[in-house]
Amino acid sequence: MEKFAVKYRWLAVVALVAAAAPMRAAPAEKTPVLTGVVEEYSAAQHRFVVKDETGRQVAFTWTRDTKFNGVVATGAKVSVRYTPQDKAPNVAQTVGILK
């Protein structure tokens, strides 16, 4: 009878571990980063456009949670960590001014 109880106790432990496995958090996706030169800037619209080294222009907007490391202005070289958006400008999380 004791062997029977031990066997089912281990079965219960294995079942709990298997059930808890999907609860683990998935690894976080890396936040995209774009480095380039500010081509357009509008403080009134909270919007700026960065041209990367391939010539691609990417639009960004910012919120009160966006962290700035310096002053953004047309012609400034920046590194932008952002949240991609489908049909709107990407939301800048951090904007670093590069030398």
Protein backbone atom coordinates (compact mmCIF):
# COMPACT_ATOMS: atom_id res chain seq x y z
CA MET A 1 0.00 0.00 0.00
CA GLU A 2 2.90 2.39 0.82
CA LYS A 3 4.51 1.84 -2.60
CA PHE A 4 1.18 2.69 -4.21
CA ALA A 5 0.96 6.03 -2.30
CA VAL A 6 4.56 6.97 -3.17
CA LYS A 7 3.96 6.21 -6.85
CA TYR A 8 0.91 8.48 -7.00
CA ARG A 9 2.63 11.23 -5.03
CA TRP A 10 5.40 11.35 -7.68
CA LEU A 11 2.80 11.29 -10.44
CA ALA A 12 1.10 14.31 -8.83
CA VAL A 13 4.43 16.18 -8.64
CA VAL A 14 5.18 15.47 -12.31
CA ALA A 15 1.68 16.64 -13.31
CA LEU A 16 2.11 19.91 -11.37
CA VAL A 17 5.48 20.61 -12.96
CA ALA A 18 4.11 19.89 -16.43
CA ALA A 19 1.10 22.16 -15.81
CA ALA A 20 3.32 25.01 -14.58
CA ALA A 21 5.65 24.89 -17.59
CA PRO A 22 3.43 27.03 -19.90
CA MET A 23 3.16 29.66 -17.16
CA ARG A 24 6.80 30.64 -17.53
CA ALA A 25 7.24 33.99 -19.18
CA ALA A 26 8.37 33.93 -22.77
CA PRO A 27 11.68 35.66 -23.43
CA ALA A 28 11.18 39.34 -24.14
CA GLU A 29 11.62 40.42 -27.72
CA LYS A 30 14.41 42.86 -28.32
CA THR A 31 13.33 46.45 -28.73
CA PRO A 32 14.34 47.77 -32.16
CA VAL A 33 16.95 50.54 -32.33
CA LEU A 34 17.52 52.91 -35.25
CA THR A 35 20.53 55.18 -35.65
CA GLY A 36 20.54 58.03 -38.12
CA VAL A 37 20.16 61.77 -38.69
CA VAL A 38 17.05 63.78 -37.82
CA GLU A 39 15.60 64.99 -41.13
CA GLU A 40 12.41 66.59 -39.78
CA TYR A 41 11.41 67.72 -36.30
CA SER A 42 8.16 69.20 -34.92
CA ALA A 43 7.87 69.87 -31.19
CA ALA A 44 4.25 70.97 -31.63
CA GLN A 45 3.28 67.61 -33.17
CA HIS A 46 5.63 65.53 -30.97
CA ARG A 47 7.04 64.04 -34.15
CA PHE A 48 10.42 63.60 -35.85
CA VAL A 49 11.79 61.67 -38.83
CA VAL A 50 15.15 59.90 -38.83
CA LYS A 51 17.05 58.94 -42.00
CA ASP A 52 19.26 55.89 -41.48
CA GLU A 53 22.51 55.09 -43.29
CA THR A 54 20.65 53.24 -46.07
CA GLY A 55 18.52 56.31 -46.81
CA ARG A 56 15.33 54.90 -45.30
CA GLN A 57 13.24 57.49 -43.46
CA VAL A 58 11.42 56.41 -40.31
CA ALA A 59 8.82 58.54 -38.50
CA PHE A 60 8.63 58.68 -34.71
CA THR A 61 6.40 60.27 -32.14
CA TRP A 62 7.07 60.62 -28.42
CA THR A 63 5.07 60.54 -25.20
CA ARG A 64 5.66 61.87 -21.71
CA ASP A 65 7.34 58.54 -20.92
CA THR A 66 9.99 58.94 -23.65
CA LYS A 67 13.48 59.53 -22.24
CA PHE A 68 15.72 62.04 -24.03
CA ASN A 69 19.50 62.18 -23.67
CA GLY A 70 20.05 65.66 -25.09
CA VAL A 71 18.17 68.02 -27.39
CA VAL A 72 16.63 66.70 -30.62
CA ALA A 73 16.97 69.03 -33.60
CA THR A 74 17.13 68.75 -37.37
CA GLY A 75 20.57 67.49 -38.37
CA ALA A 76 21.32 65.79 -35.03
CA LYS A 77 22.66 62.24 -35.13
CA VAL A 78 20.46 60.10 -32.87
CA SER A 79 19.91 56.55 -31.69
CA VAL A 80 16.24 55.75 -31.10
CA ARG A 81 14.92 52.74 -29.18
CA TYR A 82 11.26 52.41 -30.13
CA THR A 83 8.03 50.46 -30.19
CA PRO A 84 6.99 49.69 -33.80
CA GLN A 85 3.50 50.72 -34.91
CA ASP A 86 1.62 49.38 -37.93
CA LYS A 87 -0.17 52.43 -39.32
CA ALA A 88 1.21 55.30 -37.27
CA PRO A 89 4.61 56.76 -36.43
CA ASN A 90 6.70 54.49 -34.21
CA VAL A 91 6.71 55.45 -30.52
CA ALA A 92 10.16 56.46 -29.27
CA GLN A 93 11.08 55.00 -25.89
CA THR A 94 14.54 56.54 -25.61
CA VAL A 95 16.31 59.04 -27.84
CA GLY A 96 20.05 59.42 -27.48
CA ILE A 97 21.99 62.23 -29.14
CA LEU A 98 25.24 60.95 -30.65
CA LYS A 99 28.42 62.93 -31.25
